[in-house]
All heavy atoms as atom14 arrays in JSON, in Angstrom:
{
  "sequence": "ESTVQVAQDMISKRDDTLIKASTILAGGMVASGSTCGVVVGG",
  "atom14_mask": [
    [1, 1, 1, 1, 1, 1, 1, 1, 1, 0, 0, 0, 0, 0],
    [1, 1, 1, 1, 1, 1, 0, 0, 0, 0, 0, 0, 0, 0],
    [1, 1, 1, 1, 1, 1, 1, 0, 0, 0, 0, 0, 0, 0],
    [1, 1, 1, 1, 1, 1, 1, 0, 0, 0, 0, 0, 0, 0],
    [1, 1, 1, 1, 1, 1, 1, 1, 1, 0, 0, 0, 0, 0],
    [1, 1, 1, 1, 1, 1, 1, 0, 0, 0, 0, 0, 0, 0],
    [1, 1, 1, 1, 1, 0, 0, 0, 0, 0, 0, 0, 0, 0],
    [1, 1, 1, 1, 1, 1, 1, 1, 1, 0, 0, 0, 0, 0],
    [1, 1, 1, 1, 1, 1, 1, 1, 0, 0, 0, 0, 0, 0],
    [1, 1, 1, 1, 1, 1, 1, 1, 0, 0, 0, 0, 0, 0],
    [1, 1, 1, 1, 1, 1, 1, 1, 0, 0, 0, 0, 0, 0],
    [1, 1, 1, 1, 1, 1, 0, 0, 0, 0, 0, 0, 0, 0],
    [1, 1, 1, 1, 1, 1, 1, 1, 1, 0, 0, 0, 0, 0],
    [1, 1, 1, 1, 1, 1, 1, 1, 1, 1, 1, 0, 0, 0],
    [1, 1, 1, 1, 1, 1, 1, 1, 0, 0, 0, 0, 0, 0],
    [1, 1, 1, 1, 1, 1, 1, 1, 0, 0, 0, 0, 0, 0],
    [1, 1, 1, 1, 1, 1, 1, 0, 0, 0, 0, 0, 0, 0],
    [1, 1, 1, 1, 1, 1, 1, 1, 0, 0, 0, 0, 0, 0],
    [1, 1, 1, 1, 1, 1, 1, 1, 0, 0, 0, 0, 0, 0],
    [1, 1, 1, 1, 1, 1, 1, 1, 1, 0, 0, 0, 0, 0],
    [1, 1, 1, 1, 1, 0, 0, 0, 0, 0, 0, 0, 0, 0],
    [1, 1, 1, 1, 1, 1, 0, 0, 0, 0, 0, 0, 0, 0],
    [1, 1, 1, 1, 1, 1, 1, 0, 0, 0, 0, 0, 0, 0],
    [1, 1, 1, 1, 1, 1, 1, 1, 0, 0, 0, 0, 0, 0],
    [1, 1, 1, 1, 1, 1, 1, 1, 0, 0, 0, 0, 0, 0],
    [1, 1, 1, 1, 1, 0, 0, 0, 0, 0, 0, 0, 0, 0],
    [1, 1, 1, 1, 0, 0, 0, 0, 0, 0, 0, 0, 0, 0],
    [1, 1, 1, 1, 0, 0, 0, 0, 0, 0, 0, 0, 0, 0],
    [1, 1, 1, 1, 1, 1, 1, 1, 0, 0, 0, 0, 0, 0],
    [1, 1, 1, 1, 1, 1, 1, 0, 0, 0, 0, 0, 0, 0],
    [1, 1, 1, 1, 1, 0, 0, 0, 0, 0, 0, 0, 0, 0],
    [1, 1, 1, 1, 1, 1, 0, 0, 0, 0, 0, 0, 0, 0],
    [1, 1, 1, 1, 0, 0, 0, 0, 0, 0, 0, 0, 0, 0],
    [1, 1, 1, 1, 1, 1, 0, 0, 0, 0, 0, 0, 0, 0],
    [1, 1, 1, 1, 1, 1, 1, 0, 0, 0, 0, 0, 0, 0],
    [1, 1, 1, 1, 1, 1, 0, 0, 0, 0, 0, 0, 0, 0],
    [1, 1, 1, 1, 0, 0, 0, 0, 0, 0, 0, 0, 0, 0],
    [1, 1, 1, 1, 1, 1, 1, 0, 0, 0, 0, 0, 0, 0],
    [1, 1, 1, 1, 1, 1, 1, 0, 0, 0, 0, 0, 0, 0],
    [1, 1, 1, 1, 1, 1, 1, 0, 0, 0, 0, 0, 0, 0],
    [1, 1, 1, 1, 0, 0, 0, 0, 0, 0, 0, 0, 0, 0],
    [1, 1, 1, 1, 0, 0, 0, 0, 0, 0, 0, 0, 0, 0]
  ],
  "atom14_positions": [
    [[2.54, 1.04, -1.03], [2.57, 2.12, -0.04], [2.05, 3.42, -0.61], [1.3, 4.15, 0.05], [4.0, 2.29, 0.47], [4.15, 3.26, 1.64], [4.25, 4.72, 1.23], [4.48, 4.99, 0.02], [4.08, 5.6, 2.09], [0.0, 0.0, 0.0], [0.0, 0.0, 0.0], [0.0, 0.0, 0.0], [0.0, 0.0, 0.0], [0.0, 0.0, 0.0]],
    [[2.42, 3.74, -1.85], [1.95, 4.98, -2.46], [0.44, 5.0, -2.6], [-0.21, 6.03, -2.38], [2.61, 5.17, -3.83], [3.98, 5.44, -3.71], [0.0, 0.0, 0.0], [0.0, 0.0, 0.0], [0.0, 0.0, 0.0], [0.0, 0.0, 0.0], [0.0, 0.0, 0.0], [0.0, 0.0, 0.0], [0.0, 0.0, 0.0], [0.0, 0.0, 0.0]],
    [[-0.13, 3.85, -2.97], [-1.59, 3.77, -3.08], [-2.26, 4.01, -1.75], [-3.2, 4.8, -1.63], [-2.0, 2.39, -3.63], [-1.32, 2.14, -4.86], [-3.5, 2.32, -3.86], [0.0, 0.0, 0.0], [0.0, 0.0, 0.0], [0.0, 0.0, 0.0], [0.0, 0.0, 0.0], [0.0, 0.0, 0.0], [0.0, 0.0, 0.0], [0.0, 0.0, 0.0]],
    [[-1.77, 3.35, -0.7], [-2.36, 3.49, 0.63], [-2.16, 4.9, 1.17], [-3.08, 5.51, 1.73], [-1.77, 2.45, 1.6], [-2.25, 2.7, 3.02], [-2.15, 1.04, 1.17], [0.0, 0.0, 0.0], [0.0, 0.0, 0.0], [0.0, 0.0, 0.0], [0.0, 0.0, 0.0], [0.0, 0.0, 0.0], [0.0, 0.0, 0.0], [0.0, 0.0, 0.0]],
    [[-0.95, 5.43, 0.99], [-0.66, 6.76, 1.54], [-1.55, 7.84, 0.91], [-2.16, 8.64, 1.62], [0.81, 7.13, 1.31], [1.17, 8.48, 1.91], [2.56, 8.93, 1.56], [2.83, 10.14, 1.43], [3.48, 8.0, 1.39], [0.0, 0.0, 0.0], [0.0, 0.0, 0.0], [0.0, 0.0, 0.0], [0.0, 0.0, 0.0], [0.0, 0.0, 0.0]],
    [[-1.65, 7.85, -0.4], [-2.45, 8.89, -1.06], [-3.94, 8.68, -0.8], [-4.68, 9.64, -0.62], [-2.14, 8.92, -2.57], [-3.02, 9.94, -3.28], [-0.67, 9.26, -2.8], [0.0, 0.0, 0.0], [0.0, 0.0, 0.0], [0.0, 0.0, 0.0], [0.0, 0.0, 0.0], [0.0, 0.0, 0.0], [0.0, 0.0, 0.0], [0.0, 0.0, 0.0]],
    [[-4.37, 7.43, -0.74], [-5.79, 7.16, -0.41], [-6.11, 7.66, 1.0], [-7.19, 8.21, 1.24], [-6.08, 5.67, -0.54], [0.0, 0.0, 0.0], [0.0, 0.0, 0.0], [0.0, 0.0, 0.0], [0.0, 0.0, 0.0], [0.0, 0.0, 0.0], [0.0, 0.0, 0.0], [0.0, 0.0, 0.0], [0.0, 0.0, 0.0], [0.0, 0.0, 0.0]],
    [[-5.19, 7.47, 1.94], [-5.41, 7.98, 3.3], [-5.54, 9.5, 3.3], [-6.4, 10.06, 3.98], [-4.26, 7.55, 4.21], [-4.3, 6.1, 4.63], [-3.25, 5.77, 5.68], [-2.59, 6.65, 6.22], [-3.1, 4.49, 5.98], [0.0, 0.0, 0.0], [0.0, 0.0, 0.0], [0.0, 0.0, 0.0], [0.0, 0.0, 0.0], [0.0, 0.0, 0.0]],
    [[-4.67, 10.16, 2.56], [-4.77, 11.62, 2.48], [-6.1, 12.02, 1.86], [-6.72, 13.0, 2.28], [-3.62, 12.17, 1.63], [-2.26, 12.02, 2.32], [-2.24, 11.76, 3.53], [-1.24, 12.16, 1.62], [0.0, 0.0, 0.0], [0.0, 0.0, 0.0], [0.0, 0.0, 0.0], [0.0, 0.0, 0.0], [0.0, 0.0, 0.0], [0.0, 0.0, 0.0]],
    [[-6.53, 11.28, 0.87], [-7.77, 11.61, 0.16], [-8.99, 11.51, 1.06], [-9.89, 12.34, 1.0], [-7.92, 10.67, -1.04], [-9.12, 10.96, -1.92], [-9.1, 9.91, -3.4], [-9.38, 8.28, -2.7], [0.0, 0.0, 0.0], [0.0, 0.0, 0.0], [0.0, 0.0, 0.0], [0.0, 0.0, 0.0], [0.0, 0.0, 0.0], [0.0, 0.0, 0.0]],
    [[-9.01, 10.49, 1.93], [-10.18, 10.3, 2.8], [-9.95, 10.89, 4.2], [-10.8, 10.77, 5.07], [-10.55, 8.81, 2.93], [-9.43, 8.02, 3.61], [-10.88, 8.22, 1.56], [-9.78, 6.55, 3.86], [0.0, 0.0, 0.0], [0.0, 0.0, 0.0], [0.0, 0.0, 0.0], [0.0, 0.0, 0.0], [0.0, 0.0, 0.0], [0.0, 0.0, 0.0]],
    [[-8.79, 11.52, 4.39], [-8.43, 12.17, 5.66], [-8.47, 11.19, 6.83], [-9.02, 11.48, 7.9], [-9.36, 13.35, 5.93], [-9.26, 14.31, 4.91], [0.0, 0.0, 0.0], [0.0, 0.0, 0.0], [0.0, 0.0, 0.0], [0.0, 0.0, 0.0], [0.0, 0.0, 0.0], [0.0, 0.0, 0.0], [0.0, 0.0, 0.0], [0.0, 0.0, 0.0]],
    [[-7.88, 10.02, 6.64], [-7.77, 9.01, 7.69], [-6.34, 8.47, 7.69], [-6.04, 7.49, 7.02], [-8.76, 7.86, 7.48], [-10.22, 8.21, 7.71], [-11.08, 6.96, 7.56], [-12.55, 7.27, 7.77], [-13.39, 6.04, 7.64], [0.0, 0.0, 0.0], [0.0, 0.0, 0.0], [0.0, 0.0, 0.0], [0.0, 0.0, 0.0], [0.0, 0.0, 0.0]],
    [[-5.49, 9.1, 8.44], [-4.09, 8.7, 8.47], [-3.89, 7.53, 9.44], [-4.4, 7.56, 10.56], [-3.21, 9.87, 8.87], [-1.75, 9.5, 9.04], [-0.86, 10.71, 9.15], [0.52, 10.33, 9.42], [1.56, 11.15, 9.3], [1.36, 12.4, 8.92], [2.78, 10.73, 9.57], [0.0, 0.0, 0.0], [0.0, 0.0, 0.0], [0.0, 0.0, 0.0]],
    [[-3.15, 6.53, 9.0], [-2.77, 5.42, 9.88], [-1.39, 4.94, 9.46], [-1.24, 4.3, 8.42], [-3.78, 4.29, 9.82], [-3.5, 3.23, 10.87], [-2.6, 2.4, 10.66], [-4.17, 3.23, 11.92], [0.0, 0.0, 0.0], [0.0, 0.0, 0.0], [0.0, 0.0, 0.0], [0.0, 0.0, 0.0], [0.0, 0.0, 0.0], [0.0, 0.0, 0.0]],
    [[-0.38, 5.25, 10.26], [1.0, 4.95, 9.88], [1.3, 3.46, 9.92], [2.19, 2.99, 9.2], [1.96, 5.7, 10.8], [1.91, 7.21, 10.57], [1.4, 7.63, 9.51], [2.35, 7.97, 11.45], [0.0, 0.0, 0.0], [0.0, 0.0, 0.0], [0.0, 0.0, 0.0], [0.0, 0.0, 0.0], [0.0, 0.0, 0.0], [0.0, 0.0, 0.0]],
    [[0.59, 2.69, 10.75], [0.81, 1.24, 10.78], [0.44, 0.62, 9.44], [1.16, -0.24, 8.91], [-0.01, 0.58, 11.9], [0.41, 1.12, 13.16], [0.2, -0.92, 11.92], [0.0, 0.0, 0.0], [0.0, 0.0, 0.0], [0.0, 0.0, 0.0], [0.0, 0.0, 0.0], [0.0, 0.0, 0.0], [0.0, 0.0, 0.0], [0.0, 0.0, 0.0]],
    [[-0.68, 1.05, 8.87], [-1.08, 0.55, 7.55], [-0.07, 0.95, 6.48], [0.21, 0.17, 5.57], [-2.47, 1.07, 7.17], [-3.65, 0.14, 7.45], [-3.78, -0.11, 8.95], [-4.95, 0.73, 6.92], [0.0, 0.0, 0.0], [0.0, 0.0, 0.0], [0.0, 0.0, 0.0], [0.0, 0.0, 0.0], [0.0, 0.0, 0.0], [0.0, 0.0, 0.0]],
    [[0.47, 2.16, 6.6], [1.49, 2.62, 5.65], [2.68, 1.67, 5.67], [3.13, 1.18, 4.62], [1.94, 4.05, 5.99], [0.83, 5.06, 5.72], [3.2, 4.42, 5.21], [0.56, 5.32, 4.27], [0.0, 0.0, 0.0], [0.0, 0.0, 0.0], [0.0, 0.0, 0.0], [0.0, 0.0, 0.0], [0.0, 0.0, 0.0], [0.0, 0.0, 0.0]],
    [[3.21, 1.42, 6.85], [4.4, 0.57, 6.96], [4.09, -0.87, 6.57], [4.89, -1.52, 5.88], [4.96, 0.63, 8.38], [5.52, 1.99, 8.76], [6.09, 1.98, 10.16], [7.33, 1.11, 10.25], [7.93, 1.12, 11.62], [0.0, 0.0, 0.0], [0.0, 0.0, 0.0], [0.0, 0.0, 0.0], [0.0, 0.0, 0.0], [0.0, 0.0, 0.0]],
    [[2.95, -1.37, 6.98], [2.58, -2.76, 6.65], [2.47, -2.95, 5.15], [2.9, -3.97, 4.6], [1.28, -3.13, 7.34], [0.0, 0.0, 0.0], [0.0, 0.0, 0.0], [0.0, 0.0, 0.0], [0.0, 0.0, 0.0], [0.0, 0.0, 0.0], [0.0, 0.0, 0.0], [0.0, 0.0, 0.0], [0.0, 0.0, 0.0], [0.0, 0.0, 0.0]],
    [[1.9, -1.97, 4.47], [1.67, -2.1, 3.02], [2.96, -2.08, 2.23], [3.03, -2.61, 1.12], [0.75, -0.98, 2.53], [1.39, 0.29, 2.63], [0.0, 0.0, 0.0], [0.0, 0.0, 0.0], [0.0, 0.0, 0.0], [0.0, 0.0, 0.0], [0.0, 0.0, 0.0], [0.0, 0.0, 0.0], [0.0, 0.0, 0.0], [0.0, 0.0, 0.0]],
    [[4.0, -1.49, 2.79], [5.25, -1.29, 2.05], [5.85, -2.6, 1.57], [6.4, -2.69, 0.46], [6.27, -0.54, 2.95], [5.71, 0.72, 3.34], [7.58, -0.31, 2.23], [0.0, 0.0, 0.0], [0.0, 0.0, 0.0], [0.0, 0.0, 0.0], [0.0, 0.0, 0.0], [0.0, 0.0, 0.0], [0.0, 0.0, 0.0], [0.0, 0.0, 0.0]],
    [[5.72, -3.65, 2.36], [6.36, -4.93, 2.03], [5.63, -5.67, 0.9], [6.15, -6.64, 0.35], [6.44, -5.82, 3.3], [7.52, -6.89, 3.14], [5.08, -6.43, 3.63], [7.85, -7.61, 4.42], [0.0, 0.0, 0.0], [0.0, 0.0, 0.0], [0.0, 0.0, 0.0], [0.0, 0.0, 0.0], [0.0, 0.0, 0.0], [0.0, 0.0, 0.0]],
    [[4.45, -5.21, 0.52], [3.67, -5.88, -0.51], [3.97, -5.37, -1.92], [3.4, -5.86, -2.89], [2.17, -5.71, -0.23], [1.69, -6.15, 1.16], [0.18, -5.94, 1.29], [2.04, -7.61, 1.43], [0.0, 0.0, 0.0], [0.0, 0.0, 0.0], [0.0, 0.0, 0.0], [0.0, 0.0, 0.0], [0.0, 0.0, 0.0], [0.0, 0.0, 0.0]],
    [[4.88, -4.41, -2.04], [5.18, -3.81, -3.35], [5.75, -4.83, -4.31], [6.42, -5.79, -3.92], [6.16, -2.66, -3.17], [0.0, 0.0, 0.0], [0.0, 0.0, 0.0], [0.0, 0.0, 0.0], [0.0, 0.0, 0.0], [0.0, 0.0, 0.0], [0.0, 0.0, 0.0], [0.0, 0.0, 0.0], [0.0, 0.0, 0.0], [0.0, 0.0, 0.0]],
    [[5.47, -4.62, -5.59], [6.01, -5.5, -6.62], [5.45, -6.9, -6.57], [6.06, -7.85, -7.07], [0.0, 0.0, 0.0], [0.0, 0.0, 0.0], [0.0, 0.0, 0.0], [0.0, 0.0, 0.0], [0.0, 0.0, 0.0], [0.0, 0.0, 0.0], [0.0, 0.0, 0.0], [0.0, 0.0, 0.0], [0.0, 0.0, 0.0], [0.0, 0.0, 0.0]],
    [[4.28, -7.05, -5.99], [3.65, -8.37, -5.95], [4.2, -9.26, -4.86], [4.75, -10.33, -5.14], [0.0, 0.0, 0.0], [0.0, 0.0, 0.0], [0.0, 0.0, 0.0], [0.0, 0.0, 0.0], [0.0, 0.0, 0.0], [0.0, 0.0, 0.0], [0.0, 0.0, 0.0], [0.0, 0.0, 0.0], [0.0, 0.0, 0.0], [0.0, 0.0, 0.0]],
    [[4.13, -8.83, -3.6], [4.61, -9.58, -2.43], [6.13, -9.64, -2.41], [6.75, -10.57, -2.91], [4.06, -11.02, -2.38], [2.56, -11.16, -2.55], [1.62, -10.41, -1.2], [0.83, -9.08, -2.1], [0.0, 0.0, 0.0], [0.0, 0.0, 0.0], [0.0, 0.0, 0.0], [0.0, 0.0, 0.0], [0.0, 0.0, 0.0], [0.0, 0.0, 0.0]],
    [[6.74, -8.6, -1.87], [8.21, -8.49, -1.77], [8.84, -8.64, -3.16], [9.76, -9.43, -3.36], [8.8, -9.52, -0.79], [10.19, -9.06, -0.33], [7.92, -9.76, 0.43], [0.0, 0.0, 0.0], [0.0, 0.0, 0.0], [0.0, 0.0, 0.0], [0.0, 0.0, 0.0], [0.0, 0.0, 0.0], [0.0, 0.0, 0.0], [0.0, 0.0, 0.0]],
    [[8.3, -7.91, -4.11], [8.84, -7.87, -5.48], [8.85, -9.23, -6.16], [9.68, -9.5, -7.01], [10.25, -7.28, -5.48], [0.0, 0.0, 0.0], [0.0, 0.0, 0.0], [0.0, 0.0, 0.0], [0.0, 0.0, 0.0], [0.0, 0.0, 0.0], [0.0, 0.0, 0.0], [0.0, 0.0, 0.0], [0.0, 0.0, 0.0], [0.0, 0.0, 0.0]],
    [[7.88, -10.09, -5.8], [7.85, -11.45, -6.34], [6.94, -11.61, -7.54], [6.79, -12.71, -8.07], [7.42, -12.43, -5.24], [8.37, -12.47, -4.21], [0.0, 0.0, 0.0], [0.0, 0.0, 0.0], [0.0, 0.0, 0.0], [0.0, 0.0, 0.0], [0.0, 0.0, 0.0], [0.0, 0.0, 0.0], [0.0, 0.0, 0.0], [0.0, 0.0, 0.0]],
    [[6.27, -10.54, -7.96], [5.47, -10.59, -9.18], [4.05, -11.06, -9.03], [3.35, -11.24, -10.03], [0.0, 0.0, 0.0], [0.0, 0.0, 0.0], [0.0, 0.0, 0.0], [0.0, 0.0, 0.0], [0.0, 0.0, 0.0], [0.0, 0.0, 0.0], [0.0, 0.0, 0.0], [0.0, 0.0, 0.0], [0.0, 0.0, 0.0], [0.0, 0.0, 0.0]],
    [[3.58, -11.26, -7.81], [2.19, -11.71, -7.6], [1.25, -10.51, -7.76], [1.52, -9.61, -8.56], [2.06, -12.38, -6.24], [0.78, -12.96, -6.1], [0.0, 0.0, 0.0], [0.0, 0.0, 0.0], [0.0, 0.0, 0.0], [0.0, 0.0, 0.0], [0.0, 0.0, 0.0], [0.0, 0.0, 0.0], [0.0, 0.0, 0.0], [0.0, 0.0, 0.0]],
    [[0.18, -10.45, -6.99], [-0.81, -9.39, -7.17], [-0.18, -8.01, -7.02], [0.52, -7.73, -6.05], [-1.96, -9.54, -6.16], [-2.57, -10.82, -6.33], [-3.01, -8.47, -6.37], [0.0, 0.0, 0.0], [0.0, 0.0, 0.0], [0.0, 0.0, 0.0], [0.0, 0.0, 0.0], [0.0, 0.0, 0.0], [0.0, 0.0, 0.0], [0.0, 0.0, 0.0]],
    [[-0.43, -7.16, -8.01], [0.13, -5.82, -8.09], [-0.07, -5.03, -6.79], [-1.15, -5.08, -6.18], [-0.53, -5.09, -9.26], [-0.23, -3.33, -9.32], [0.0, 0.0, 0.0], [0.0, 0.0, 0.0], [0.0, 0.0, 0.0], [0.0, 0.0, 0.0], [0.0, 0.0, 0.0], [0.0, 0.0, 0.0], [0.0, 0.0, 0.0], [0.0, 0.0, 0.0]],
    [[0.95, -4.27, -6.4], [0.85, -3.47, -5.2], [-0.25, -2.43, -5.26], [-0.82, -2.07, -4.22], [0.0, 0.0, 0.0], [0.0, 0.0, 0.0], [0.0, 0.0, 0.0], [0.0, 0.0, 0.0], [0.0, 0.0, 0.0], [0.0, 0.0, 0.0], [0.0, 0.0, 0.0], [0.0, 0.0, 0.0], [0.0, 0.0, 0.0], [0.0, 0.0, 0.0]],
    [[-0.59, -1.94, -6.44], [-1.69, -0.99, -6.56], [-3.02, -1.67, -6.26], [-3.92, -1.07, -5.68], [-1.72, -0.36, -7.96], [-2.88, 0.62, -8.1], [-0.4, 0.36, -8.26], [0.0, 0.0, 0.0], [0.0, 0.0, 0.0], [0.0, 0.0, 0.0], [0.0, 0.0, 0.0], [0.0, 0.0, 0.0], [0.0, 0.0, 0.0], [0.0, 0.0, 0.0]],
    [[-3.12, -2.95, -6.59], [-4.35, -3.7, -6.31], [-4.47, -3.97, -4.82], [-5.52, -3.72, -4.21], [-4.38, -5.02, -7.11], [-5.6, -5.85, -6.73], [-4.39, -4.73, -8.61], [0.0, 0.0, 0.0], [0.0, 0.0, 0.0], [0.0, 0.0, 0.0], [0.0, 0.0, 0.0], [0.0, 0.0, 0.0], [0.0, 0.0, 0.0], [0.0, 0.0, 0.0]],
    [[-3.4, -4.49, -4.19], [-3.5, -4.78, -2.75], [-3.57, -3.49, -1.95], [-4.28, -3.42, -0.93], [-2.32, -5.66, -2.27], [-2.39, -7.03, -2.91], [-0.97, -5.03, -2.54], [0.0, 0.0, 0.0], [0.0, 0.0, 0.0], [0.0, 0.0, 0.0], [0.0, 0.0, 0.0], [0.0, 0.0, 0.0], [0.0, 0.0, 0.0], [0.0, 0.0, 0.0]],
    [[-2.86, -2.45, -2.39], [-2.95, -1.17, -1.7], [-4.34, -0.57, -1.8], [-4.85, 0.02, -0.84], [0.0, 0.0, 0.0], [0.0, 0.0, 0.0], [0.0, 0.0, 0.0], [0.0, 0.0, 0.0], [0.0, 0.0, 0.0], [0.0, 0.0, 0.0], [0.0, 0.0, 0.0], [0.0, 0.0, 0.0], [0.0, 0.0, 0.0], [0.0, 0.0, 0.0]],
    [[-4.97, -0.72, -2.96], [-6.34, -0.25, -3.12], [-7.31, -1.02, -2.25], [-8.25, -0.45, -1.68], [0.0, 0.0, 0.0], [0.0, 0.0, 0.0], [0.0, 0.0, 0.0], [0.0, 0.0, 0.0], [0.0, 0.0, 0.0], [0.0, 0.0, 0.0], [0.0, 0.0, 0.0], [0.0, 0.0, 0.0], [0.0, 0.0, 0.0], [0.0, 0.0, 0.0]]
  ]
}
């Protein structure tokens, strides 16, 4: 979520649905250790 949120601010394209959707992917898919949230958020 932090990656998506700050990237949105950076490109001036806010979308709250993407913010909320991305939140569940933290820690590698619900904290499961898979692909890093910074990677999927990017």
